[in-house]
Amino acid sequence: MKEIRLHEGELNVMELLWSNKELAAKDISKIIKEYIGWEKNTTYTVIKRLIDKGAIIRRDPGFICRANVSKSKIQEIESNVLLNKLFNGSISNFLMDYVNHQKLTGTDLENMERIILNHRR
């Protein structure tokens, strides 16, 4: 599968599918209208774009949609893009910048230490 990049509007639709496994396009449209305010045509355009990208699989009858890519895969792709774009691909540069600009709790720091220790093993 090719690398799929999603913009914010597409992620709104994908979040629904990741949470619900399958939804009819009309139900996606109703939910998006309620929470985001998009009109039906806008939602259907985004769904079509996601189908064209290979992020959604559609089946009939009922224009039933389901995710064809996992949330974790999209997170991996977008994380790598961010690291490459802003930090020259360096997780160390990202972490140093993040730690220097955020107020981290003791729990945050303990979790980060645990992740690093587990990764070393």
Foldseek 3Di string as FASTA:
>chain_A
DDQDADDPVLVLLQVVQLVVQKDFLVVSQVVCCVPPNDHSVVSVVSVVVCVVRVQWDFDDDRRMIHGPDHPVSNVVSVVQVCCCVPPVSDPVSVVVVVVVPDDDDPVRVVVVVVVVVVVVD
